[in-house]
C-alpha atoms as a PDB file:
ATOM      1  CA  MET A   1      -8.223  23.357  -3.375  1.00  0.00           C
ATOM      2  CA  ALA A   2      -8.105  20.153  -5.397  1.00  0.00           C
ATOM      3  CA  GLY A   3      -4.582  19.726  -4.146  1.00  0.00           C
ATOM      4  CA  ILE A   4      -5.668  19.628  -0.604  1.00  0.00           C
ATOM      5  CA  LEU A   5      -8.429  17.146  -1.153  1.00  0.00           C
ATOM      6  CA  TRP A   6      -6.094  14.789  -2.902  1.00  0.00           C
ATOM      7  CA  ALA A   7      -3.736  15.084   0.179  1.00  0.00           C
ATOM      8  CA  LEU A   8      -6.649  14.388   2.478  1.00  0.00           C
ATOM      9  CA  PHE A   9      -7.455  11.335   0.254  1.00  0.00           C
ATOM     10  CA  GLY A  10      -4.005  10.103   0.574  1.00  0.00           C
ATOM     11  CA  ILE A  11      -3.945  10.611   4.336  1.00  0.00           C
ATOM     12  CA  ALA A  12      -7.338   8.702   4.637  1.00  0.00           C
ATOM     13  CA  ALA A  13      -5.788   5.892   2.550  1.00  0.00           C
ATOM     14  CA  GLY A  14      -2.833   5.712   4.840  1.00  0.00           C
ATOM     15  CA  ALA A  15      -5.162   5.623   7.932  1.00  0.00           C
ATOM     16  CA  CYS A  16      -6.960   2.689   6.352  1.00  0.00           C
ATOM     17  CA  ILE A  17      -3.734   0.888   6.042  1.00  0.00           C
ATOM     18  CA  ALA A  18      -2.903   1.639   9.632  1.00  0.00           C
ATOM     19  CA  PHE A  19      -6.379  -0.085  10.842  1.00  0.00           C
ATOM     20  CA  GLN A  20      -6.136  -2.905   8.271  1.00  0.00           C
ATOM     21  CA  ALA A  21      -3.012  -4.256   9.793  1.00  0.00           C
ATOM     22  CA  PRO A  22      -4.298  -4.793  13.253  1.00  0.00           C
ATOM     23  CA  ILE A  23      -7.732  -5.974  11.907  1.00  0.00           C
ATOM     24  CA  ASN A  24      -6.189  -8.580   9.721  1.00  0.00           C
ATOM     25  CA  ALA A  25      -3.732  -9.545  12.513  1.00  0.00           C
ATOM     26  CA  GLN A  26      -6.830 -10.208  15.073  1.00  0.00           C
ATOM     27  CA  LEU A  27      -8.629 -12.007  12.232  1.00  0.00           C
ATOM     28  CA  GLY A  28      -5.506 -14.171  11.755  1.00  0.00           C
ATOM     29  CA  ARG A  29      -5.319 -14.851  15.490  1.00  0.00           C
ATOM     30  CA  GLY A  30      -8.798 -15.838  15.469  1.00  0.00           C
ATOM     31  CA  LEU A  31      -8.569 -18.284  12.527  1.00  0.00           C
ATOM     32  CA  GLY A  32      -5.289 -19.701  13.841  1.00  0.00           C
ATOM     33  CA  LEU A  33      -3.460 -19.047  10.582  1.00  0.00           C
ATOM     34  CA  PRO A  34      -2.286 -15.454   9.822  1.00  0.00           C
ATOM     35  CA  VAL A  35      -1.839 -16.149   5.994  1.00  0.00           C
ATOM     36  CA  ALA A  36      -5.567 -17.007   5.836  1.00  0.00           C
ATOM     37  CA  ALA A  37      -6.409 -13.507   7.178  1.00  0.00           C
ATOM     38  CA  ALA A  38      -4.551 -12.028   4.225  1.00  0.00           C
ATOM     39  CA  MET A  39      -6.361 -14.283   1.936  1.00  0.00           C
ATOM     40  CA  ILE A  40      -9.691 -13.095   3.194  1.00  0.00           C
ATOM     41  CA  SER A  41      -8.641  -9.669   3.171  1.00  0.00           C
ATOM     42  CA  PHE A  42      -7.818  -9.841  -0.516  1.00  0.00           C
ATOM     43  CA  LEU A  43     -11.015 -11.768  -1.144  1.00  0.00           C
ATOM     44  CA  ALA A  44     -13.178  -9.163   0.523  1.00  0.00           C
ATOM     45  CA  GLY A  45     -11.339  -6.455  -1.273  1.00  0.00           C
ATOM     46  CA  ALA A  46     -11.865  -8.120  -4.627  1.00  0.00           C
ATOM     47  CA  ILE A  47     -15.468  -8.604  -4.202  1.00  0.00           C
ATOM     48  CA  VAL A  48     -16.015  -4.932  -3.350  1.00  0.00           C
ATOM     49  CA  LEU A  49     -13.817  -3.648  -5.965  1.00  0.00           C
ATOM     50  CA  GLY A  50     -15.617  -6.078  -8.457  1.00  0.00           C
ATOM     51  CA  ILE A  51     -18.830  -4.506  -7.513  1.00  0.00           C
ATOM     52  CA  ILE A  52     -17.383  -0.939  -7.881  1.00  0.00           C
ATOM     53  CA  THR A  53     -15.906  -1.788 -11.219  1.00  0.00           C
ATOM     54  CA  VAL A  54     -19.344  -2.949 -12.491  1.00  0.00           C
ATOM     55  CA  VAL A  55     -21.066   0.087 -11.286  1.00  0.00           C
ATOM     56  CA  PHE A  56     -18.417   2.391 -12.759  1.00  0.00           C
ATOM     57  CA  THR A  57     -18.321   0.684 -16.357  1.00  0.00           C
ATOM     58  CA  ARG A  58     -22.127   0.923 -16.472  1.00  0.00           C
ATOM     59  CA  VAL A  59     -22.320   4.448 -15.251  1.00  0.00           C
ATOM     60  CA  GLU A  60     -19.523   5.755 -17.468  1.00  0.00           C
ATOM     61  CA  GLY A  61     -20.282   3.387 -20.282  1.00  0.00           C
ATOM     62  CA  THR A  62     -16.813   2.158 -20.288  1.00  0.00           C
ATOM     63  CA  VAL A  63     -15.774  -1.085 -21.816  1.00  0.00           C
ATOM     64  CA  LEU A  64     -12.609  -2.603 -20.272  1.00  0.00           C
ATOM     65  CA  ASP A  65      -9.818  -3.704 -22.698  1.00  0.00           C
ATOM     66  CA  TRP A  66      -8.542  -6.871 -21.053  1.00  0.00           C
ATOM     67  CA  ARG A  67      -6.010  -7.375 -23.856  1.00  0.00           C
ATOM     68  CA  ALA A  68      -4.143  -3.987 -23.503  1.00  0.00           C
ATOM     69  CA  PRO A  69      -2.172  -4.506 -20.405  1.00  0.00           C
ATOM     70  CA  ALA A  70       0.956  -6.777 -20.351  1.00  0.00           C
ATOM     71  CA  PRO A  71      -0.047 -10.114 -18.868  1.00  0.00           C
ATOM     72  CA  TRP A  72       2.471  -9.621 -15.993  1.00  0.00           C
ATOM     73  CA  LEU A  73       0.607  -6.561 -14.796  1.00  0.00           C
ATOM     74  CA  TYR A  74      -2.441  -8.850 -13.987  1.00  0.00           C
ATOM     75  CA  VAL A  75      -0.426 -10.654 -11.127  1.00  0.00           C
ATOM     76  CA  ALA A  76       2.341  -8.236 -10.180  1.00  0.00           C
ATOM     77  CA  GLY A  77       0.245  -5.738  -8.080  1.00  0.00           C
ATOM     78  CA  GLY A  78      -1.625  -8.618  -6.328  1.00  0.00           C
ATOM     79  CA  CYS A  79       1.563 -10.361  -5.433  1.00  0.00           C
ATOM     80  CA  LEU A  80       3.092  -7.302  -4.044  1.00  0.00           C
ATOM     81  CA  GLY A  81      -0.022  -6.516  -2.136  1.00  0.00           C
ATOM     82  CA  GLY A  82      -0.239 -10.029  -0.775  1.00  0.00           C
ATOM     83  CA  PHE A  83       3.224  -9.820   0.403  1.00  0.00           C
ATOM     84  CA  TYR A  84       2.486  -6.593   2.178  1.00  0.00           C
ATOM     85  CA  VAL A  85      -0.691  -7.876   3.733  1.00  0.00           C
ATOM     86  CA  THR A  86       0.764 -11.059   4.839  1.00  0.00           C
ATOM     87  CA  ALA A  87       3.839  -9.164   6.387  1.00  0.00           C
ATOM     88  CA  ALA A  88       1.569  -6.727   8.146  1.00  0.00           C
ATOM     89  CA  VAL A  89      -0.609  -9.686   9.662  1.00  0.00           C
ATOM     90  CA  LEU A  90       2.671 -11.323  10.897  1.00  0.00           C
ATOM     91  CA  LEU A  91       4.491  -8.243  12.060  1.00  0.00           C
ATOM     92  CA  THR A  92       1.663  -6.252  13.777  1.00  0.00           C
ATOM     93  CA  PRO A  93       1.386  -8.513  16.837  1.00  0.00           C
ATOM     94  CA  ARG A  94       5.249  -8.751  17.099  1.00  0.00           C
ATOM     95  CA  ILE A  95       6.388  -4.988  16.697  1.00  0.00           C
ATOM     96  CA  GLY A  96       2.933  -3.170  16.878  1.00  0.00           C
ATOM     97  CA  ALA A  97       1.098  -0.993  14.482  1.00  0.00           C
ATOM     98  CA  THR A  98       3.292   2.077  14.855  1.00  0.00           C
ATOM     99  CA  GLU A  99       6.476   0.424  14.064  1.00  0.00           C
ATOM    100  CA  LEU A 100       4.922  -1.596  11.114  1.00  0.00           C
ATOM    101  CA  MET A 101       3.671   1.721   9.689  1.00  0.00           C
ATOM    102  CA  ALA A 102       7.029   3.491  10.169  1.00  0.00           C
ATOM    103  CA  PHE A 103       8.909   0.659   8.369  1.00  0.00           C
ATOM    104  CA  ALA A 104       6.318   0.572   5.622  1.00  0.00           C
ATOM    105  CA  ILE A 105       6.339   4.225   5.055  1.00  0.00           C
ATOM    106  CA  ALA A 106      10.127   4.213   5.012  1.00  0.00           C
ATOM    107  CA  GLY A 107      10.137   1.270   2.517  1.00  0.00           C
ATOM    108  CA  GLN A 108       7.607   3.079   0.378  1.00  0.00           C
ATOM    109  CA  LEU A 109       9.438   6.370   0.363  1.00  0.00           C
ATOM    110  CA  CYS A 110      12.746   4.738  -0.457  1.00  0.00           C
ATOM    111  CA  ALA A 111      11.220   2.573  -3.226  1.00  0.00           C
ATOM    112  CA  GLY A 112       9.364   5.820  -4.466  1.00  0.00           C
ATOM    113  CA  LEU A 113      12.627   7.757  -4.628  1.00  0.00           C
ATOM    114  CA  VAL A 114      14.095   4.972  -6.954  1.00  0.00           C
ATOM    115  CA  ILE A 115      11.077   4.610  -9.108  1.00  0.00           C
ATOM    116  CA  ASP A 116      10.946   8.500  -9.597  1.00  0.00           C
ATOM    117  CA  ARG A 117      14.527   8.810 -10.179  1.00  0.00           C
ATOM    118  CA  PHE A 118      14.795   6.334 -12.918  1.00  0.00           C
ATOM    119  CA  GLY A 119      11.226   6.570 -14.258  1.00  0.00           C
ATOM    120  CA  LEU A 120      10.421   2.978 -13.618  1.00  0.00           C
ATOM    121  CA  LEU A 121       6.975   1.630 -14.694  1.00  0.00           C
ATOM    122  CA  ASP A 122       6.145   4.830 -16.969  1.00  0.00           C
ATOM    123  CA  VAL A 123       6.465   7.405 -13.992  1.00  0.00           C
ATOM    124  CA  ALA A 124       7.791  10.773 -14.858  1.00  0.00           C
ATOM    125  CA  VAL A 125      11.487  11.009 -13.948  1.00  0.00           C
ATOM    126  CA  ARG A 126      12.068  13.253 -10.924  1.00  0.00           C
ATOM    127  CA  GLU A 127      15.466  13.955  -9.764  1.00  0.00           C
ATOM    128  CA  ILE A 128      16.455  13.371  -6.117  1.00  0.00           C
ATOM    129  CA  SER A 129      16.887  16.767  -4.809  1.00  0.00           C
ATOM    130  CA  VAL A 130      18.454  17.745  -1.533  1.00  0.00           C
ATOM    131  CA  GLY A 131      15.064  18.393  -0.140  1.00  0.00           C
ATOM    132  CA  ARG A 132      13.772  14.836  -1.147  1.00  0.00           C
ATOM    133  CA  LEU A 133      16.926  13.232   0.136  1.00  0.00           C
ATOM    134  CA  ALA A 134      16.716  15.136   3.513  1.00  0.00           C
ATOM    135  CA  GLY A 135      12.979  14.279   3.999  1.00  0.00           C
ATOM    136  CA  ALA A 136      13.615  10.698   3.191  1.00  0.00           C
ATOM    137  CA  MET A 137      16.653  10.650   5.713  1.00  0.00           C
ATOM    138  CA  LEU A 138      14.567  12.529   8.360  1.00  0.00           C
ATOM    139  CA  LEU A 139      11.778   9.783   7.894  1.00  0.00           C
ATOM    140  CA  CYS A 140      14.260   6.930   8.314  1.00  0.00           C
ATOM    141  CA  VAL A 141      15.613   8.727  11.430  1.00  0.00           C
ATOM    142  CA  GLY A 142      12.061   8.934  12.605  1.00  0.00           C
ATOM    143  CA  VAL A 143      11.730   5.212  12.014  1.00  0.00           C
ATOM    144  CA  LEU A 144      14.965   4.620  14.238  1.00  0.00           C
ATOM    145  CA  MET A 145      13.503   6.848  16.905  1.00  0.00           C
ATOM    146  CA  ILE A 146      10.317   5.041  16.907  1.00  0.00           C
ATOM    147  CA  ARG A 147      12.033   1.612  17.065  1.00  0.00           C
ATOM    148  CA  MET A 148      14.551   2.413  19.797  1.00  0.00           C
ATOM    149  CA  PHE A 149      12.820   4.818  22.064  1.00  0.00           C
END
């Protein structure tokens, strides 16, 4: 049962990304500067997550160890997210939400295969099986079909 709930949570997260792109694109058009929409998206998210972090640390009695993570970890995720959100703001009006999501998912899957295969960033090593490779290839074929048809 827990596996199904986690899968549904992942699907909901993906749906949020699909809605986020056109919302941010519309904000960018309204502002007249797409990159400003990406900045506002991150600012709003940072405020909400800051509040959630304060609530969780108080409820759970957790104390954050700010010195434990490597310094580069404090900026890497935000930079990668900033690149994605900015790209989504710029691409959504040009190629549409469906194509953007298809390309983004294909990129995530291919990067995920590499990360798993080599155990990058402390992820458990998972071999690239025939099933995983076939699934990735089918997804890439799907991306091409979305793009061309």
